[in-house]
C-alpha atoms as a PDB file:
ATOM      1  CA  MET A   1     -11.252 -64.068  12.252  1.00  0.00           C
ATOM      2  CA  LYS A   2     -12.028 -62.602   8.825  1.00  0.00           C
ATOM      3  CA  THR A   3     -10.645 -59.271   9.880  1.00  0.00           C
ATOM      4  CA  MET A   4      -7.423 -60.857  11.024  1.00  0.00           C
ATOM      5  CA  ILE A   5      -6.972 -62.770   7.755  1.00  0.00           C
ATOM      6  CA  ILE A   6      -7.642 -59.625   5.720  1.00  0.00           C
ATOM      7  CA  SER A   7      -5.211 -57.649   7.893  1.00  0.00           C
ATOM      8  CA  VAL A   8      -2.489 -60.287   7.479  1.00  0.00           C
ATOM      9  CA  PHE A   9      -3.117 -60.361   3.725  1.00  0.00           C
ATOM     10  CA  PHE A  10      -2.788 -56.577   3.342  1.00  0.00           C
ATOM     11  CA  LEU A  11       0.232 -56.492   5.613  1.00  0.00           C
ATOM     12  CA  SER A  12       1.964 -59.181   3.535  1.00  0.00           C
ATOM     13  CA  VAL A  13       1.138 -57.315   0.294  1.00  0.00           C
ATOM     14  CA  VAL A  14       2.609 -54.115   1.729  1.00  0.00           C
ATOM     15  CA  LEU A  15       5.725 -55.896   2.995  1.00  0.00           C
ATOM     16  CA  LEU A  16       6.304 -57.713  -0.298  1.00  0.00           C
ATOM     17  CA  GLY A  17       5.798 -54.491  -2.231  1.00  0.00           C
ATOM     18  CA  ALA A  18       8.302 -52.690  -0.040  1.00  0.00           C
ATOM     19  CA  CYS A  19      10.925 -55.415  -0.474  1.00  0.00           C
ATOM     20  CA  LYS A  20      10.727 -55.446  -4.243  1.00  0.00           C
ATOM     21  CA  GLN A  21      13.082 -52.705  -5.411  1.00  0.00           C
ATOM     22  CA  GLU A  22      14.137 -51.920  -8.925  1.00  0.00           C
ATOM     23  CA  GLU A  23      17.796 -52.073  -9.699  1.00  0.00           C
ATOM     24  CA  PRO A  24      19.236 -48.621 -10.275  1.00  0.00           C
ATOM     25  CA  LYS A  25      19.710 -47.884 -13.926  1.00  0.00           C
ATOM     26  CA  THR A  26      23.309 -47.236 -14.823  1.00  0.00           C
ATOM     27  CA  ALA A  27      24.035 -44.544 -17.319  1.00  0.00           C
ATOM     28  CA  THR A  28      25.834 -45.929 -20.323  1.00  0.00           C
ATOM     29  CA  THR A  29      28.146 -43.733 -22.290  1.00  0.00           C
ATOM     30  CA  PRO A  30      27.372 -43.423 -25.977  1.00  0.00           C
ATOM     31  CA  PRO A  31      29.735 -45.281 -28.285  1.00  0.00           C
ATOM     32  CA  VAL A  32      32.640 -43.281 -29.652  1.00  0.00           C
ATOM     33  CA  VAL A  33      32.332 -42.719 -33.377  1.00  0.00           C
ATOM     34  CA  GLN A  34      35.614 -42.116 -35.105  1.00  0.00           C
ATOM     35  CA  GLN A  35      35.415 -39.742 -38.002  1.00  0.00           C
ATOM     36  CA  GLU A  36      37.881 -39.515 -40.782  1.00  0.00           C
ATOM     37  CA  SER A  37      39.585 -36.150 -40.617  1.00  0.00           C
ATOM     38  CA  LYS A  38      40.400 -33.978 -43.589  1.00  0.00           C
ATOM     39  CA  ALA A  39      44.073 -34.416 -42.823  1.00  0.00           C
ATOM     40  CA  ALA A  40      43.832 -38.156 -43.514  1.00  0.00           C
ATOM     41  CA  LYS A  41      42.740 -37.441 -47.108  1.00  0.00           C
ATOM     42  CA  VAL A  42      45.492 -34.948 -47.934  1.00  0.00           C
ATOM     43  CA  ASP A  43      48.082 -35.820 -50.551  1.00  0.00           C
ATOM     44  CA  SER A  44      51.531 -34.894 -49.211  1.00  0.00           C
ATOM     45  CA  THR A  45      52.969 -35.002 -52.741  1.00  0.00           C
ATOM     46  CA  ILE A  46      51.601 -31.482 -53.323  1.00  0.00           C
ATOM     47  CA  ILE A  47      54.488 -30.010 -51.320  1.00  0.00           C
ATOM     48  CA  ARG A  48      56.741 -28.533 -54.021  1.00  0.00           C
ATOM     49  CA  SER A  49      60.314 -27.320 -54.138  1.00  0.00           C
ATOM     50  CA  LYS A  50      61.022 -23.580 -54.536  1.00  0.00           C
ATOM     51  CA  ASP A  51      62.278 -24.028 -58.115  1.00  0.00           C
ATOM     52  CA  VAL A  52      59.147 -25.738 -59.476  1.00  0.00           C
ATOM     53  CA  ASP A  53      57.576 -24.479 -62.716  1.00  0.00           C
ATOM     54  CA  VAL A  54      54.019 -23.778 -61.543  1.00  0.00           C
ATOM     55  CA  ALA A  55      52.675 -23.769 -65.111  1.00  0.00           C
ATOM     56  CA  SER A  56      53.618 -27.451 -65.395  1.00  0.00           C
ATOM     57  CA  LEU A  57      51.352 -28.196 -62.409  1.00  0.00           C
ATOM     58  CA  ASP A  58      48.301 -26.751 -64.195  1.00  0.00           C
ATOM     59  CA  LYS A  59      47.112 -30.061 -65.650  1.00  0.00           C
ATOM     60  CA  ASN A  60      43.747 -28.805 -66.935  1.00  0.00           C
ATOM     61  CA  LYS A  61      45.409 -25.706 -68.483  1.00  0.00           C
ATOM     62  CA  ASP A  62      42.874 -23.247 -67.069  1.00  0.00           C
ATOM     63  CA  GLY A  63      45.601 -20.888 -65.806  1.00  0.00           C
ATOM     64  CA  LYS A  64      44.724 -21.478 -62.157  1.00  0.00           C
ATOM     65  CA  VAL A  65      46.065 -23.643 -59.372  1.00  0.00           C
ATOM     66  CA  PHE A  66      45.307 -24.064 -55.678  1.00  0.00           C
ATOM     67  CA  GLN A  67      47.935 -22.838 -53.234  1.00  0.00           C
ATOM     68  CA  CYS A  68      48.152 -22.590 -49.460  1.00  0.00           C
ATOM     69  CA  SER A  69      48.198 -18.985 -48.255  1.00  0.00           C
ATOM     70  CA  MET A  70      50.426 -19.970 -45.306  1.00  0.00           C
ATOM     71  CA  ASP A  71      52.734 -22.461 -47.037  1.00  0.00           C
ATOM     72  CA  ALA A  72      53.381 -21.233 -50.587  1.00  0.00           C
ATOM     73  CA  GLN A  73      55.230 -24.431 -51.533  1.00  0.00           C
ATOM     74  CA  VAL A  74      51.940 -26.381 -51.302  1.00  0.00           C
ATOM     75  CA  ILE A  75      50.397 -26.221 -54.783  1.00  0.00           C
ATOM     76  CA  SER A  76      47.824 -28.452 -56.441  1.00  0.00           C
ATOM     77  CA  ASP A  77      45.680 -28.366 -59.574  1.00  0.00           C
ATOM     78  CA  THR A  78      42.665 -29.500 -57.554  1.00  0.00           C
ATOM     79  CA  PRO A  79      41.081 -28.068 -54.387  1.00  0.00           C
ATOM     80  CA  GLY A  80      42.271 -29.615 -51.155  1.00  0.00           C
ATOM     81  CA  THR A  81      43.856 -29.103 -47.772  1.00  0.00           C
ATOM     82  CA  CYS A  82      47.423 -28.178 -46.922  1.00  0.00           C
ATOM     83  CA  PRO A  83      49.236 -31.173 -45.398  1.00  0.00           C
ATOM     84  CA  ILE A  84      51.364 -28.801 -43.287  1.00  0.00           C
ATOM     85  CA  CYS A  85      48.871 -26.384 -41.682  1.00  0.00           C
ATOM     86  CA  HIS A  86      45.577 -28.119 -42.653  1.00  0.00           C
ATOM     87  CA  MET A  87      44.079 -24.954 -44.162  1.00  0.00           C
ATOM     88  CA  ASP A  88      42.032 -25.116 -47.357  1.00  0.00           C
ATOM     89  CA  LEU A  89      43.989 -24.276 -50.493  1.00  0.00           C
ATOM     90  CA  SER A  90      43.069 -20.999 -52.219  1.00  0.00           C
ATOM     91  CA  GLU A  91      42.566 -20.672 -55.953  1.00  0.00           C
ATOM     92  CA  VAL A  92      45.201 -18.408 -57.543  1.00  0.00           C
ATOM     93  CA  THR A  93      46.509 -17.794 -61.033  1.00  0.00           C
ATOM     94  CA  VAL A  94      49.651 -19.593 -62.173  1.00  0.00           C
ATOM     95  CA  ALA A  95      51.524 -16.256 -62.221  1.00  0.00           C
ATOM     96  CA  GLU A  96      50.427 -15.432 -58.645  1.00  0.00           C
ATOM     97  CA  ALA A  97      51.475 -18.870 -57.426  1.00  0.00           C
ATOM     98  CA  GLN A  98      54.885 -18.534 -59.106  1.00  0.00           C
ATOM     99  CA  GLU A  99      55.355 -15.097 -57.513  1.00  0.00           C
ATOM    100  CA  ASN A 100      54.346 -16.448 -54.070  1.00  0.00           C
ATOM    101  CA  MET A 101      57.079 -19.094 -54.344  1.00  0.00           C
ATOM    102  CA  LYS A 102      59.845 -16.452 -54.320  1.00  0.00           C
END
């Protein structure tokens, strides 16, 4: 009788253990983090007309300005990014910038 009770006990433990299954873990995608792009910070007022006096744009009077190598009409007195092509502005002299505008 003892053997039968022990056998039933072990059989029930095995059956209960087999029935208990863990739920499959679902893979969660990481949250999307939006980053502010350089283009969002660009001042579009640095696009100049062809007849601009570049010397008047040199606010700190150091003889240098920042100009886009692709879009010569984009000139600023501070470093930045071109609002047209999104390239970094290159530092040039006022005379070089005026010549590039032609």
